[in-house]
Amino acid sequence: MAVPVSSLSVAVQGIADFLDGQFGEDVVISTDNPQRAAERVKGGDKHFLNLFTYRVMPSGFHASASAREPFFIRISTLLTPFLSDAQSNVPDADLRILGHAIRVLASSPVVPVSALPGNSADPEDFRSQPHLDYRLQAVLQAPTMEELNHIWTTQGGELAYRLSAAYEFALIPVEPLERQPAAGPITTAIIDTRSRVKPQPEGYNELGVEARAVPLAATTTTKQPPPVDILPVVLFALSGGLASAATIAPAAASTKLAISGLPGSKVSVTVTWTRADTSIEVQSKQSFTIAAVRLDDPAAIVALALDAPQAGDGARITMRPADAGGVEVANAPFANTLTLSVAES
């Protein structure tokens, strides 16, 4: 009985096949241990680049996976060039081979799925399952010299140390003997948004005559502001566009505002001056009827009269909803505030 393939062997062979496609015919990619690779290269006319897997580690992820789901592992490998005696005319051939392999893996850190062996025709082979989809990431490692020396000294024989590049390939799924069947598709889904009264819990006693209501907050006689349908928005309508701050010339009689809100509703605008001598003056409130819902609509523009602005003055413009008579609604929220400055003469 032949030993069946495993996901580990498929992954390692897929890496070797990918590297083999990046070299010419004078370099053979092998997956042996260093001692066997050194024996195979003797007497031949081709160089070898050997992929030696020397460590298998758990992925560190998928901790809650069951025994019927794939188990993911990482492998540590050494890429080592072995030179043929028949082609010894290039003294740095090992550096060329190893350098090109590093270049390839740096350019393609994720081994393409197409480079891995495809599905098998045998239904018992895990590769025949449609879920097989390997994506192996190659990460260059930096093992200590003690670790590398231990690997080479345990190979036996007269095998000399050779320059190698250590790589980690991850993640490799170890397919279970019996895979967890996939859940069937959802055939019906009901989202119920109707309000329902929860059933009365067992042992719950109804309130009796001795129950007393305790108010959560003290009542107040303060008049609450009436509801406002839409809080208006106001901006300066300048020649260059709309703004929340503007500068006017001294003695300007008015400035243009753009007011948006619920058409037909009224607003009350207040201009509070801070004169150059720091005195405070409040203009009489001005009432306007909103005619547009968009600030960029020409119908939204109104003229706000100004009370003798002088050089160095500044003003704060506030606005509130007003009733049908143009009187601002008491305790109603303010709209946004505008800042007006008077240029120095």
Protein backbone atom coordinates (compact mmCIF):
# COMPACT_ATOMS: atom_id res chain seq x y z
CA MET A 1 0.00 0.00 0.00
CA ALA A 2 1.47 3.33 -1.03
CA VAL A 3 1.74 6.03 1.58
CA PRO A 4 -1.05 8.53 0.83
CA VAL A 5 -0.26 12.19 0.32
CA SER A 6 -0.90 14.60 3.14
CA SER A 7 -1.54 18.31 3.20
CA LEU A 8 1.97 18.77 4.62
CA SER A 9 3.60 16.90 1.73
CA VAL A 10 1.42 18.72 -0.79
CA ALA A 11 2.43 22.08 0.67
CA VAL A 12 6.16 21.34 0.69
CA GLN A 13 6.07 19.92 -2.81
CA GLY A 14 4.08 22.93 -3.96
CA ILE A 15 6.77 25.26 -2.62
CA ALA A 16 9.45 23.21 -4.39
CA ASP A 17 7.47 23.27 -7.66
CA PHE A 18 7.07 27.04 -7.38
CA LEU A 19 10.81 27.56 -6.89
CA ASP A 20 11.58 25.09 -9.69
CA GLY A 21 9.65 27.31 -12.08
CA GLN A 22 11.95 30.23 -11.23
CA PHE A 23 15.22 28.45 -12.14
CA GLY A 24 16.66 27.04 -15.33
CA GLU A 25 17.36 23.40 -16.14
CA ASP A 26 20.80 23.53 -14.53
CA VAL A 27 19.30 23.81 -11.00
CA VAL A 28 17.22 21.02 -9.43
CA ILE A 29 14.90 21.73 -6.49
CA SER A 30 14.91 18.89 -3.95
CA THR A 31 13.13 18.29 -0.63
CA ASP A 32 15.67 15.92 0.98
CA ASN A 33 17.69 16.20 4.15
CA PRO A 34 21.11 17.86 3.62
CA GLN A 35 23.02 14.57 3.80
CA ARG A 36 20.96 12.96 1.05
CA ALA A 37 21.02 16.11 -1.09
CA ALA A 38 24.83 16.18 -0.83
CA GLU A 39 25.00 12.55 -2.01
CA ARG A 40 22.63 13.13 -4.93
CA VAL A 41 24.59 16.08 -6.30
CA LYS A 42 27.84 14.08 -6.52
CA GLY A 43 28.74 12.97 -10.02
CA GLY A 44 25.88 14.88 -11.59
CA ASP A 45 25.96 17.86 -13.91
CA LYS A 46 23.26 19.92 -12.17
CA HIS A 47 23.28 22.08 -9.05
CA PHE A 48 20.75 21.44 -6.29
CA LEU A 49 18.70 23.86 -4.19
CA ASN A 50 17.47 21.79 -1.28
CA LEU A 51 14.35 22.59 0.74
CA PHE A 52 14.90 20.94 4.15
CA THR A 53 11.96 21.02 6.58
CA TYR A 54 13.36 20.71 10.08
CA ARG A 55 10.58 21.94 12.40
CA VAL A 56 6.78 21.76 12.62
CA MET A 57 4.95 24.14 14.94
CA PRO A 58 1.30 24.87 15.75
CA SER A 59 -0.13 28.00 14.21
CA GLY A 60 -1.01 29.71 17.48
CA PHE A 61 -4.49 30.48 16.10
CA HIS A 62 -7.80 28.62 15.75
CA ALA A 63 -7.80 27.55 19.41
CA SER A 64 -11.51 26.65 19.39
CA ALA A 65 -11.38 24.34 16.35
CA SER A 66 -12.86 20.88 16.80
CA ALA A 67 -11.19 17.56 15.95
CA ARG A 68 -13.19 17.41 12.70
CA GLU A 69 -11.88 20.73 11.41
CA PRO A 70 -8.45 21.43 9.86
CA PHE A 71 -5.57 21.97 12.27
CA PHE A 72 -3.15 24.66 11.11
CA ILE A 73 0.63 24.41 11.41
CA ARG A 74 3.79 26.34 10.48
CA ILE A 75 7.00 24.82 9.19
CA SER A 76 10.61 25.98 9.41
CA THR A 77 12.82 25.18 6.43
CA LEU A 78 16.37 25.67 5.20
CA LEU A 79 17.11 26.62 1.61
CA THR A 80 20.61 25.33 0.87
CA PRO A 81 22.45 25.26 -2.47
CA PHE A 82 24.57 22.18 -3.28
CA LEU A 83 26.99 22.58 -6.20
CA SER A 84 27.83 19.99 -8.81
CA ASP A 85 31.52 19.15 -9.32
CA ALA A 86 30.92 19.07 -13.08
CA GLN A 87 30.01 22.78 -13.08
CA SER A 88 32.64 24.26 -10.78
CA ASN A 89 33.77 26.97 -13.20
CA VAL A 90 31.64 29.61 -11.39
CA PRO A 91 33.14 30.11 -7.90
CA ASP A 92 30.12 31.91 -6.43
CA ALA A 93 27.40 29.70 -7.93
CA ASP A 94 26.00 28.91 -4.47
CA LEU A 95 25.54 32.61 -3.72
CA ARG A 96 23.86 33.15 -7.08
CA ILE A 97 21.41 30.30 -6.52
CA LEU A 98 20.57 31.24 -2.93
CA GLY A 99 20.34 34.94 -3.76
CA HIS A 100 17.90 34.29 -6.59
CA ALA A 101 15.72 32.12 -4.33
CA ILE A 102 15.59 34.92 -1.72
CA ARG A 103 14.72 37.40 -4.47
CA VAL A 104 11.89 35.20 -5.71
CA LEU A 105 10.34 34.73 -2.25
CA ALA A 106 10.72 38.45 -1.47
CA SER A 107 8.88 39.29 -4.69
CA SER A 108 6.20 36.63 -4.10
CA PRO A 109 5.85 36.30 -0.29
CA VAL A 110 2.60 34.39 -0.78
CA VAL A 111 3.11 31.21 -2.78
CA PRO A 112 0.49 31.17 -5.56
CA VAL A 113 -2.24 28.57 -5.23
CA SER A 114 -1.67 27.57 -8.85
CA ALA A 115 1.83 26.39 -7.90
CA LEU A 116 0.46 23.78 -5.49
CA PRO A 117 -0.56 20.31 -6.69
CA GLY A 118 -4.14 20.27 -7.93
CA ASN A 119 -7.13 18.17 -6.98
CA SER A 120 -6.88 14.40 -7.12
CA ALA A 121 -9.23 12.11 -8.99
CA ASP A 122 -9.30 9.72 -6.01
CA PRO A 123 -12.44 10.52 -3.93
CA GLU A 124 -10.61 9.33 -0.81
CA ASP A 125 -7.82 11.86 -1.39
CA PHE A 126 -8.37 15.10 0.53
CA ARG A 127 -7.22 17.02 -2.56
CA SER A 128 -10.43 15.96 -4.36
CA GLN A 129 -12.48 18.11 -1.99
CA PRO A 130 -13.52 21.50 -3.40
CA HIS A 131 -12.63 23.34 -0.17
CA LEU A 132 -8.87 22.87 -0.69
CA ASP A 133 -7.35 26.32 -1.09
CA TYR A 134 -3.77 26.75 0.14
CA ARG A 135 -2.21 30.17 0.59
CA LEU A 136 1.27 29.86 2.08
CA GLN A 137 3.17 32.91 3.25
CA ALA A 138 6.98 32.79 3.17
CA VAL A 139 8.68 34.73 6.00
CA LEU A 140 12.47 35.02 6.17
CA GLN A 141 13.76 33.96 9.59
CA ALA A 142 16.96 34.70 11.55
CA PRO A 143 17.86 31.59 13.58
CA THR A 144 20.84 31.80 15.91
CA MET A 145 24.19 30.34 14.92
CA GLU A 146 23.82 27.79 17.72
CA GLU A 147 20.58 26.52 16.17
CA LEU A 148 22.09 26.34 12.69
CA ASN A 149 25.21 24.61 14.00
CA HIS A 150 23.04 22.05 15.79
CA ILE A 151 21.13 21.29 12.56
CA TRP A 152 24.32 20.69 10.56
CA THR A 153 26.18 18.69 13.21
CA THR A 154 23.27 16.26 13.58
CA GLN A 155 23.24 15.31 9.89
CA GLY A 156 26.09 12.83 10.30
CA GLY A 157 28.96 11.98 7.99
CA GLU A 158 31.45 14.53 6.75
CA LEU A 159 28.84 17.04 5.70
CA ALA A 160 30.32 20.53 5.74
CA TYR A 161 28.41 23.62 6.75
CA ARG A 162 26.83 25.47 3.83
CA LEU A 163 25.31 28.90 3.73
CA SER A 164 21.52 28.63 3.99
CA ALA A 165 18.45 30.84 4.23
CA ALA A 166 15.84 29.95 6.86
CA TYR A 167 12.17 30.46 5.97
CA GLU A 168 8.88 29.89 7.75
CA PHE A 169 5.90 28.86 5.62
CA ALA A 170 2.42 29.27 7.07
CA LEU A 171 -0.32 28.39 7.48
CA ILE A 172 -0.64 24.76 6.39
CA PRO A 173 -3.94 23.03 7.23
CA VAL A 174 -3.72 19.43 8.45
CA GLU A 175 -6.86 17.84 7.06
CA PRO A 176 -8.89 15.70 9.53
CA LEU A 177 -9.63 12.04 8.79
CA GLU A 178 -13.34 12.86 8.88
CA ARG A 179 -14.24 16.43 8.09
CA GLN A 180 -17.03 18.33 9.80
CA PRO A 181 -19.94 18.52 7.33
CA ALA A 182 -20.84 22.01 6.25
CA ALA A 183 -24.03 23.49 7.63
CA GLY A 184 -26.94 23.54 5.26
CA PRO A 185 -28.14 26.80 3.72
CA ILE A 186 -30.72 28.88 5.56
CA THR A 187 -34.10 28.33 3.95
CA THR A 188 -36.23 30.67 6.05
CA ALA A 189 -35.49 33.72 8.18
CA ILE A 190 -38.10 35.69 10.11
CA ILE A 191 -37.40 39.04 11.72
CA ASP A 192 -40.24 39.93 14.08
CA THR A 193 -40.43 43.54 15.20
CA ARG A 194 -43.85 43.41 16.84
CA SER A 195 -44.02 44.58 20.44
CA ARG A 196 -45.03 41.90 22.89
CA VAL A 197 -45.71 41.89 26.60
CA LYS A 198 -43.43 39.54 28.43
CA PRO A 199 -45.23 36.81 30.32
CA GLN A 200 -45.70 37.53 33.97
CA PRO A 201 -42.94 35.79 35.94
CA GLU A 202 -44.03 33.09 38.32
CA GLY A 203 -44.37 34.29 41.88
CA TYR A 204 -44.90 37.95 40.98
CA ASN A 205 -47.32 39.73 43.31
CA GLU A 206 -49.65 42.39 42.02
CA LEU A 207 -49.48 45.86 43.62
CA GLY A 208 -51.87 46.20 46.54
CA VAL A 209 -53.62 49.12 48.22
CA GLU A 210 -50.55 49.70 50.35
CA ALA A 211 -48.43 50.61 47.27
CA ARG A 212 -47.37 54.25 47.04
CA ALA A 213 -46.12 56.15 43.99
CA VAL A 214 -42.82 57.99 44.49
CA PRO A 215 -42.14 60.78 41.93
CA LEU A 216 -38.78 60.57 40.19
CA ALA A 217 -38.42 64.35 40.00
CA ALA A 218 -40.13 67.32 41.53
CA THR A 219 -42.72 69.02 39.36
CA THR A 220 -42.03 72.56 38.23
CA THR A 221 -44.22 75.44 37.17
CA THR A 222 -41.59 76.82 34.77
CA LYS A 223 -43.09 77.33 31.33
CA GLN A 224 -41.50 74.89 28.91
CA PRO A 225 -40.61 76.06 25.40
CA PRO A 226 -43.12 75.01 22.79
CA PRO A 227 -41.97 72.45 20.25
CA VAL A 228 -40.25 73.76 17.13
CA ASP A 229 -40.71 71.91 13.84
CA ILE A 230 -37.38 72.91 12.33
CA LEU A 231 -34.63 74.95 13.93
CA PRO A 232 -33.61 77.58 11.34
CA VAL A 233 -30.08 78.04 10.04
CA VAL A 234 -28.51 81.41 9.20
CA LEU A 235 -25.28 82.44 7.41
CA PHE A 236 -23.87 85.62 5.91
CA ALA A 237 -24.60 85.88 2.17
CA LEU A 238 -21.32 87.25 0.89
CA SER A 239 -20.23 87.83 -2.69
CA GLY A 240 -17.86 84.86 -2.42
CA GLY A 241 -20.37 82.51 -0.82
CA LEU A 242 -21.85 81.72 2.59
CA ALA A 243 -19.97 82.20 5.88
CA SER A 244 -20.50 82.37 9.63
CA ALA A 245 -18.22 85.41 10.02
CA ALA A 246 -18.02 88.61 7.99
CA THR A 247 -16.36 92.04 7.96
CA ILE A 248 -18.21 95.19 6.85
CA ALA A 249 -17.18 98.76 6.17
CA PRO A 250 -17.86 101.49 8.76
CA ALA A 251 -21.31 103.11 8.56
CA ALA A 252 -22.77 100.20 6.53
CA ALA A 253 -26.54 100.36 6.73
CA SER A 254 -27.20 96.66 6.37
CA THR A 255 -25.76 93.23 5.62
CA LYS A 256 -27.25 90.26 3.79
CA LEU A 257 -28.23 87.04 5.55
CA ALA A 258 -29.32 83.69 4.13
CA ILE A 259 -31.95 82.00 6.34
CA SER A 260 -33.28 78.48 5.78
CA GLY A 261 -35.96 76.56 7.61
CA LEU A 262 -39.65 75.76 7.37
CA PRO A 263 -41.13 78.08 4.72
CA GLY A 264 -43.73 80.44 6.14
CA SER A 265 -42.38 80.31 9.69
CA LYS A 266 -40.92 83.41 11.31
CA VAL A 267 -37.65 84.12 13.09
CA SER A 268 -36.45 86.89 15.34
CA VAL A 269 -32.89 88.19 14.87
CA THR A 270 -30.93 90.06 17.54
CA VAL A 271 -27.74 92.07 16.95
CA THR A 272 -25.63 92.63 20.06
CA TRP A 273 -22.87 95.22 19.54
CA THR A 274 -19.59 95.47 21.37
CA ARG A 275 -18.46 98.96 20.54
CA ALA A 276 -14.84 100.02 20.15
CA ASP A 277 -14.97 101.54 23.66
CA THR A 278 -16.12 98.09 25.00
CA SER A 279 -19.67 99.31 25.68
CA ILE A 280 -22.55 96.92 24.90
CA GLU A 281 -25.55 97.91 22.79
CA VAL A 282 -28.45 95.70 21.69
CA GLN A 283 -30.41 96.57 18.57
CA SER A 284 -34.14 96.19 18.36
CA LYS A 285 -35.13 92.68 17.32
CA GLN A 286 -35.89 92.22 13.64
CA SER A 287 -38.40 89.70 12.34
CA PHE A 288 -38.15 87.80 9.03
CA THR A 289 -40.33 85.23 7.29
CA ILE A 290 -38.48 82.15 6.05
CA ALA A 291 -38.99 81.60 2.32
CA ALA A 292 -36.58 78.77 1.46
CA VAL A 293 -35.37 75.43 2.77
CA ARG A 294 -31.92 75.79 1.18
CA LEU A 295 -29.33 78.40 2.07
CA ASP A 296 -28.18 78.70 -1.56
CA ASP A 297 -31.70 79.58 -2.73
CA PRO A 298 -31.92 83.30 -3.71
CA ALA A 299 -35.25 83.48 -1.84
CA ALA A 300 -33.40 82.75 1.42
CA ILE A 301 -31.55 86.11 1.36
CA VAL A 302 -32.80 88.95 3.59
CA ALA A 303 -31.33 92.35 4.53
CA LEU A 304 -30.45 92.84 8.19
CA ALA A 305 -30.42 96.50 9.24
CA LEU A 306 -27.42 97.66 11.25
CA ASP A 307 -27.34 100.41 13.85
CA ALA A 308 -24.49 102.82 12.96
CA PRO A 309 -21.50 100.49 12.90
CA GLN A 310 -18.18 102.25 13.52
CA ALA A 311 -14.56 101.24 12.97
CA GLY A 312 -13.42 98.71 15.57
CA ASP A 313 -16.96 97.61 16.52
CA GLY A 314 -18.00 93.96 16.64
CA ALA A 315 -21.37 92.25 16.84
CA ARG A 316 -22.88 88.90 17.70
CA ILE A 317 -25.97 87.92 15.71
CA THR A 318 -28.37 85.41 17.25
CA MET A 319 -31.65 84.03 15.95
CA ARG A 320 -34.67 82.31 17.49
CA PRO A 321 -37.96 80.99 16.17
CA ALA A 322 -40.79 83.55 16.40
CA ASP A 323 -44.55 83.33 16.53
CA ALA A 324 -46.95 84.50 13.84
CA GLY A 325 -46.60 88.08 15.05
CA GLY A 326 -42.82 88.05 14.74
CA VAL A 327 -42.21 87.92 18.52
CA GLU A 328 -39.52 85.42 19.49
CA VAL A 329 -40.76 82.37 21.35
CA ALA A 330 -39.68 82.51 24.97
CA ASN A 331 -37.16 79.82 25.98
CA ALA A 332 -36.95 78.58 22.40
CA PRO A 333 -33.52 77.26 21.37
CA PHE A 334 -31.17 79.54 19.51
CA ALA A 335 -29.99 78.84 15.98
CA ASN A 336 -26.33 79.10 15.08
CA THR A 337 -24.50 82.32 16.00
CA LEU A 338 -22.83 84.71 13.51
CA THR A 339 -19.88 87.04 14.16
CA LEU A 340 -19.72 90.49 12.52
CA SER A 341 -16.68 92.76 12.51
CA VAL A 342 -16.33 96.39 11.37
CA ALA A 343 -13.15 97.15 9.47
CA GLU A 344 -10.73 99.76 10.75
CA SER A 345 -11.01 103.03 8.88
